[in-house]
Amino acid sequence: MEARTAVTVKFAKVGAAYAAGTPSFTGSALITSLSVQADNGAVATMSVTLTGTGALTKAEA
């Protein structure tokens, strides 16, 4: 993956992402850091750092 790849993000409060009436937010961001750890036979983990590139849009779930 190339540095500073543009992505669309959507997020909500943990545990409430699909509850009726819970707001979620959508926006654009650049990936500024990405690492993946996948040891043989273990669960893979991923870490990503995003930098927002504009305003967020609020939506009701």
PDB file of N, CA and C in Angstrom:
ATOM      1  N   MET A   1       0.846  -1.173   0.000  1.00  0.00           N
ATOM      2  CA  MET A   1       0.000   0.000   0.000  1.00  0.00           C
ATOM      3  C   MET A   1       0.892   1.235   0.000  1.00  0.00           C
ATOM      4  N   GLU A   2       0.530   2.197  -0.791  1.00  0.00           N
ATOM      5  CA  GLU A   2       1.284   3.442  -0.846  1.00  0.00           C
ATOM      6  C   GLU A   2       0.920   4.338   0.332  1.00  0.00           C
ATOM      7  N   ALA A   3       1.900   5.056   0.817  1.00  0.00           N
ATOM      8  CA  ALA A   3       1.657   5.995   1.906  1.00  0.00           C
ATOM      9  C   ALA A   3       0.643   7.044   1.475  1.00  0.00           C
ATOM     10  N   ARG A   4      -0.142   7.471   2.444  1.00  0.00           N
ATOM     11  CA  ARG A   4      -1.125   8.534   2.258  1.00  0.00           C
ATOM     12  C   ARG A   4      -2.240   8.149   1.275  1.00  0.00           C
ATOM     13  N   THR A   5      -2.622   6.893   1.273  1.00  0.00           N
ATOM     14  CA  THR A   5      -3.735   6.427   0.455  1.00  0.00           C
ATOM     15  C   THR A   5      -5.045   6.985   1.008  1.00  0.00           C
ATOM     16  N   ALA A   6      -5.884   7.553   0.155  1.00  0.00           N
ATOM     17  CA  ALA A   6      -7.175   8.114   0.572  1.00  0.00           C
ATOM     18  C   ALA A   6      -8.200   6.997   0.761  1.00  0.00           C
ATOM     19  N   VAL A   7      -8.974   7.083   1.861  1.00  0.00           N
ATOM     20  CA  VAL A   7     -10.026   6.109   2.151  1.00  0.00           C
ATOM     21  C   VAL A   7     -11.261   6.839   2.662  1.00  0.00           C
ATOM     22  N   THR A   8     -12.408   6.182   2.567  1.00  0.00           N
ATOM     23  CA  THR A   8     -13.634   6.663   3.189  1.00  0.00           C
ATOM     24  C   THR A   8     -13.806   5.894   4.486  1.00  0.00           C
ATOM     25  N   VAL A   9     -14.110   6.597   5.568  1.00  0.00           N
ATOM     26  CA  VAL A   9     -14.265   5.965   6.872  1.00  0.00           C
ATOM     27  C   VAL A   9     -15.677   6.183   7.396  1.00  0.00           C
ATOM     28  N   LYS A  10     -16.163   5.200   8.167  1.00  0.00           N
ATOM     29  CA  LYS A  10     -17.449   5.316   8.846  1.00  0.00           C
ATOM     30  C   LYS A  10     -17.259   4.723  10.229  1.00  0.00           C
ATOM     31  N   PHE A  11     -17.688   5.459  11.256  1.00  0.00           N
ATOM     32  CA  PHE A  11     -17.518   4.953  12.609  1.00  0.00           C
ATOM     33  C   PHE A  11     -18.661   5.417  13.501  1.00  0.00           C
ATOM     34  N   ALA A  12     -18.819   4.713  14.630  1.00  0.00           N
ATOM     35  CA  ALA A  12     -19.839   5.026  15.623  1.00  0.00           C
ATOM     36  C   ALA A  12     -19.307   4.602  16.983  1.00  0.00           C
ATOM     37  N   LYS A  13     -19.997   4.959  18.026  1.00  0.00           N
ATOM     38  CA  LYS A  13     -19.605   4.586  19.377  1.00  0.00           C
ATOM     39  C   LYS A  13     -19.551   3.062  19.495  1.00  0.00           C
ATOM     40  N   VAL A  14     -18.513   2.552  20.140  1.00  0.00           N
ATOM     41  CA  VAL A  14     -18.329   1.101  20.300  1.00  0.00           C
ATOM     42  C   VAL A  14     -19.561   0.488  20.958  1.00  0.00           C
ATOM     43  N   GLY A  15     -20.035  -0.634  20.396  1.00  0.00           N
ATOM     44  CA  GLY A  15     -21.179  -1.340  20.945  1.00  0.00           C
ATOM     45  C   GLY A  15     -22.521  -0.757  20.538  1.00  0.00           C
ATOM     46  N   ALA A  16     -22.501   0.385  19.881  1.00  0.00           N
ATOM     47  CA  ALA A  16     -23.762   1.030  19.529  1.00  0.00           C
ATOM     48  C   ALA A  16     -23.915   1.228  18.030  1.00  0.00           C
ATOM     49  N   ALA A  17     -22.978   0.691  17.255  1.00  0.00           N
ATOM     50  CA  ALA A  17     -22.931   0.983  15.823  1.00  0.00           C
ATOM     51  C   ALA A  17     -24.220   0.637  15.082  1.00  0.00           C
ATOM     52  N   TYR A  18     -24.970  -0.355  15.563  1.00  0.00           N
ATOM     53  CA  TYR A  18     -26.166  -0.759  14.821  1.00  0.00           C
ATOM     54  C   TYR A  18     -27.452  -0.569  15.618  1.00  0.00           C
ATOM     55  N   ALA A  19     -27.366   0.111  16.757  1.00  0.00           N
ATOM     56  CA  ALA A  19     -28.561   0.382  17.550  1.00  0.00           C
ATOM     57  C   ALA A  19     -29.365   1.511  16.894  1.00  0.00           C
ATOM     58  N   ALA A  20     -30.675   1.370  16.888  1.00  0.00           N
ATOM     59  CA  ALA A  20     -31.537   2.381  16.270  1.00  0.00           C
ATOM     60  C   ALA A  20     -31.313   3.737  16.917  1.00  0.00           C
ATOM     61  N   GLY A  21     -31.190   4.766  16.111  1.00  0.00           N
ATOM     62  CA  GLY A  21     -31.046   6.119  16.602  1.00  0.00           C
ATOM     63  C   GLY A  21     -29.640   6.519  17.014  1.00  0.00           C
ATOM     64  N   THR A  22     -28.689   5.594  16.958  1.00  0.00           N
ATOM     65  CA  THR A  22     -27.306   5.927  17.320  1.00  0.00           C
ATOM     66  C   THR A  22     -26.618   6.576  16.125  1.00  0.00           C
ATOM     67  N   PRO A  23     -26.061   7.764  16.317  1.00  0.00           N
ATOM     68  CA  PRO A  23     -25.414   8.426  15.179  1.00  0.00           C
ATOM     69  C   PRO A  23     -24.118   7.745  14.767  1.00  0.00           C
ATOM     70  N   SER A  24     -23.838   7.791  13.500  1.00  0.00           N
ATOM     71  CA  SER A  24     -22.544   7.358  12.970  1.00  0.00           C
ATOM     72  C   SER A  24     -21.986   8.526  12.173  1.00  0.00           C
ATOM     73  N   PHE A  25     -20.721   8.447  11.857  1.00  0.00           N
ATOM     74  CA  PHE A  25     -20.051   9.534  11.152  1.00  0.00           C
ATOM     75  C   PHE A  25     -19.305   8.981   9.955  1.00  0.00           C
ATOM     76  N   THR A  26     -19.343   9.689   8.840  1.00  0.00           N
ATOM     77  CA  THR A  26     -18.654   9.299   7.619  1.00  0.00           C
ATOM     78  C   THR A  26     -17.767  10.461   7.183  1.00  0.00           C
ATOM     79  N   GLY A  27     -16.588  10.130   6.659  1.00  0.00           N
ATOM     80  CA  GLY A  27     -15.694  11.166   6.177  1.00  0.00           C
ATOM     81  C   GLY A  27     -14.568  10.574   5.349  1.00  0.00           C
ATOM     82  N   SER A  28     -13.626  11.418   4.998  1.00  0.00           N
ATOM     83  CA  SER A  28     -12.467  11.000   4.220  1.00  0.00           C
ATOM     84  C   SER A  28     -11.215  11.148   5.068  1.00  0.00           C
ATOM     85  N   ALA A  29     -10.248  10.266   4.832  1.00  0.00           N
ATOM     86  CA  ALA A  29      -8.994  10.310   5.575  1.00  0.00           C
ATOM     87  C   ALA A  29      -7.875   9.745   4.720  1.00  0.00           C
ATOM     88  N   LEU A  30      -6.656  10.061   5.130  1.00  0.00           N
ATOM     89  CA  LEU A  30      -5.474   9.482   4.506  1.00  0.00           C
ATOM     90  C   LEU A  30      -4.863   8.480   5.470  1.00  0.00           C
ATOM     91  N   ILE A  31      -4.464   7.329   4.953  1.00  0.00           N
ATOM     92  CA  ILE A  31      -3.730   6.359   5.768  1.00  0.00           C
ATOM     93  C   ILE A  31      -2.301   6.878   5.889  1.00  0.00           C
ATOM     94  N   THR A  32      -1.886   7.168   7.125  1.00  0.00           N
ATOM     95  CA  THR A  32      -0.531   7.692   7.338  1.00  0.00           C
ATOM     96  C   THR A  32       0.395   6.651   7.940  1.00  0.00           C
ATOM     97  N   SER A  33      -0.167   5.553   8.458  1.00  0.00           N
ATOM     98  CA  SER A  33       0.642   4.467   8.999  1.00  0.00           C
ATOM     99  C   SER A  33      -0.190   3.193   8.981  1.00  0.00           C
ATOM    100  N   LEU A  34       0.442   2.075   8.644  1.00  0.00           N
ATOM    101  CA  LEU A  34      -0.255   0.793   8.578  1.00  0.00           C
ATOM    102  C   LEU A  34       0.730  -0.316   8.909  1.00  0.00           C
ATOM    103  N   SER A  35       0.348  -1.175   9.858  1.00  0.00           N
ATOM    104  CA  SER A  35       1.190  -2.332  10.162  1.00  0.00           C
ATOM    105  C   SER A  35       0.299  -3.551  10.388  1.00  0.00           C
ATOM    106  N   VAL A  36       0.802  -4.707   9.981  1.00  0.00           N
ATOM    107  CA  VAL A  36       0.086  -5.968  10.126  1.00  0.00           C
ATOM    108  C   VAL A  36       1.019  -6.971  10.777  1.00  0.00           C
ATOM    109  N   GLN A  37       0.504  -7.689  11.775  1.00  0.00           N
ATOM    110  CA  GLN A  37       1.255  -8.749  12.436  1.00  0.00           C
ATOM    111  C   GLN A  37       0.479 -10.045  12.235  1.00  0.00           C
ATOM    112  N   ALA A  38       1.098 -11.039  11.640  1.00  0.00           N
ATOM    113  CA  ALA A  38       0.411 -12.300  11.353  1.00  0.00           C
ATOM    114  C   ALA A  38       1.374 -13.457  11.587  1.00  0.00           C
ATOM    115  N   ASP A  39       1.594 -13.792  12.866  1.00  0.00           N
ATOM    116  CA  ASP A  39       2.454 -14.921  13.194  1.00  0.00           C
ATOM    117  C   ASP A  39       1.805 -16.219  12.742  1.00  0.00           C
ATOM    118  N   ASN A  40       2.615 -17.190  12.389  1.00  0.00           N
ATOM    119  CA  ASN A  40       2.134 -18.479  11.906  1.00  0.00           C
ATOM    120  C   ASN A  40       1.203 -19.134  12.934  1.00  0.00           C
ATOM    121  N   GLY A  41      -0.026 -19.399  12.554  1.00  0.00           N
ATOM    122  CA  GLY A  41      -0.993 -20.069  13.416  1.00  0.00           C
ATOM    123  C   GLY A  41      -1.671 -19.164  14.429  1.00  0.00           C
ATOM    124  N   ALA A  42      -1.371 -17.882  14.420  1.00  0.00           N
ATOM    125  CA  ALA A  42      -1.961 -16.953  15.388  1.00  0.00           C
ATOM    126  C   ALA A  42      -2.982 -16.052  14.699  1.00  0.00           C
ATOM    127  N   VAL A  43      -3.757 -15.365  15.506  1.00  0.00           N
ATOM    128  CA  VAL A  43      -4.711 -14.391  14.988  1.00  0.00           C
ATOM    129  C   VAL A  43      -3.939 -13.181  14.469  1.00  0.00           C
ATOM    130  N   ALA A  44      -4.286 -12.709  13.304  1.00  0.00           N
ATOM    131  CA  ALA A  44      -3.628 -11.538  12.723  1.00  0.00           C
ATOM    132  C   ALA A  44      -4.140 -10.266  13.408  1.00  0.00           C
ATOM    133  N   THR A  45      -3.256  -9.308  13.577  1.00  0.00           N
ATOM    134  CA  THR A  45      -3.639  -8.003  14.113  1.00  0.00           C
ATOM    135  C   THR A  45      -3.198  -6.917  13.140  1.00  0.00           C
ATOM    136  N   MET A  46      -3.902  -5.815  13.183  1.00  0.00           N
ATOM    137  CA  MET A  46      -3.610  -4.714  12.271  1.00  0.00           C
ATOM    138  C   MET A  46      -3.727  -3.406  13.030  1.00  0.00           C
ATOM    139  N   SER A  47      -2.860  -2.468  12.722  1.00  0.00           N
ATOM    140  CA  SER A  47      -2.908  -1.140  13.309  1.00  0.00           C
ATOM    141  C   SER A  47      -2.841  -0.128  12.178  1.00  0.00           C
ATOM    142  N   VAL A  48      -3.728   0.867  12.236  1.00  0.00           N
ATOM    143  CA  VAL A  48      -3.755   1.879  11.184  1.00  0.00           C
ATOM    144  C   VAL A  48      -3.907   3.254  11.825  1.00  0.00           C
ATOM    145  N   THR A  49      -3.196   4.227  11.279  1.00  0.00           N
ATOM    146  CA  THR A  49      -3.331   5.612  11.708  1.00  0.00           C
ATOM    147  C   THR A  49      -3.904   6.409  10.542  1.00  0.00           C
ATOM    148  N   LEU A  50      -4.963   7.171  10.828  1.00  0.00           N
ATOM    149  CA  LEU A  50      -5.645   7.956   9.807  1.00  0.00           C
ATOM    150  C   LEU A  50      -5.543   9.439  10.134  1.00  0.00           C
ATOM    151  N   THR A  51      -5.466  10.269   9.106  1.00  0.00           N
ATOM    152  CA  THR A  51      -5.527  11.714   9.249  1.00  0.00           C
ATOM    153  C   THR A  51      -6.707  12.208   8.428  1.00  0.00           C
ATOM    154  N   GLY A  52      -7.680  12.807   9.094  1.00  0.00           N
ATOM    155  CA  GLY A  52      -8.871  13.301   8.416  1.00  0.00           C
ATOM    156  C   GLY A  52      -8.539  14.391   7.394  1.00  0.00           C
ATOM    157  N   THR A  53      -9.340  14.427   6.319  1.00  0.00           N
ATOM    158  CA  THR A  53      -9.081  15.397   5.249  1.00  0.00           C
ATOM    159  C   THR A  53     -10.264  16.333   5.013  1.00  0.00           C
ATOM    160  N   GLY A  54     -11.194  16.395   5.919  1.00  0.00           N
ATOM    161  CA  GLY A  54     -12.333  17.280   5.743  1.00  0.00           C
ATOM    162  C   GLY A  54     -13.341  17.061   6.836  1.00  0.00           C
ATOM    163  N   ALA A  55     -14.503  17.633   6.650  1.00  0.00           N
ATOM    164  CA  ALA A  55     -15.567  17.547   7.639  1.00  0.00           C
ATOM    165  C   ALA A  55     -16.178  16.149   7.677  1.00  0.00           C
ATOM    166  N   LEU A  56     -16.698  15.792   8.856  1.00  0.00           N
ATOM    167  CA  LEU A  56     -17.446  14.544   9.001  1.00  0.00           C
ATOM    168  C   LEU A  56     -18.916  14.814   8.714  1.00  0.00           C
ATOM    169  N   THR A  57     -19.605  13.787   8.216  1.00  0.00           N
ATOM    170  CA  THR A  57     -21.039  13.857   7.994  1.00  0.00           C
ATOM    171  C   THR A  57     -21.702  12.957   9.016  1.00  0.00           C
ATOM    172  N   LYS A  58     -22.656  13.488   9.780  1.00  0.00           N
ATOM    173  CA  LYS A  58     -23.351  12.728  10.803  1.00  0.00           C
ATOM    174  C   LYS A  58     -24.615  12.101  10.209  1.00  0.00           C
ATOM    175  N   ALA A  59     -24.852  10.822  10.527  1.00  0.00           N
ATOM    176  CA  ALA A  59     -26.047  10.118  10.063  1.00  0.00           C
ATOM    177  C   ALA A  59     -26.631   9.314  11.218  1.00  0.00           C
ATOM    178  N   GLU A  60     -27.944   9.218  11.277  1.00  0.00           N
ATOM    179  CA  GLU A  60     -28.599   8.379  12.278  1.00  0.00           C
ATOM    180  C   GLU A  60     -28.638   6.954  11.769  1.00  0.00           C
ATOM    181  N   ALA A  61     -28.329   6.003  12.653  1.00  0.00           N
ATOM    182  CA  ALA A  61     -28.312   4.579  12.266  1.00  0.00           C
ATOM    183  C   ALA A  61     -29.710   4.063  12.079  1.00  0.00           C
TER     184      ALA A  61
END
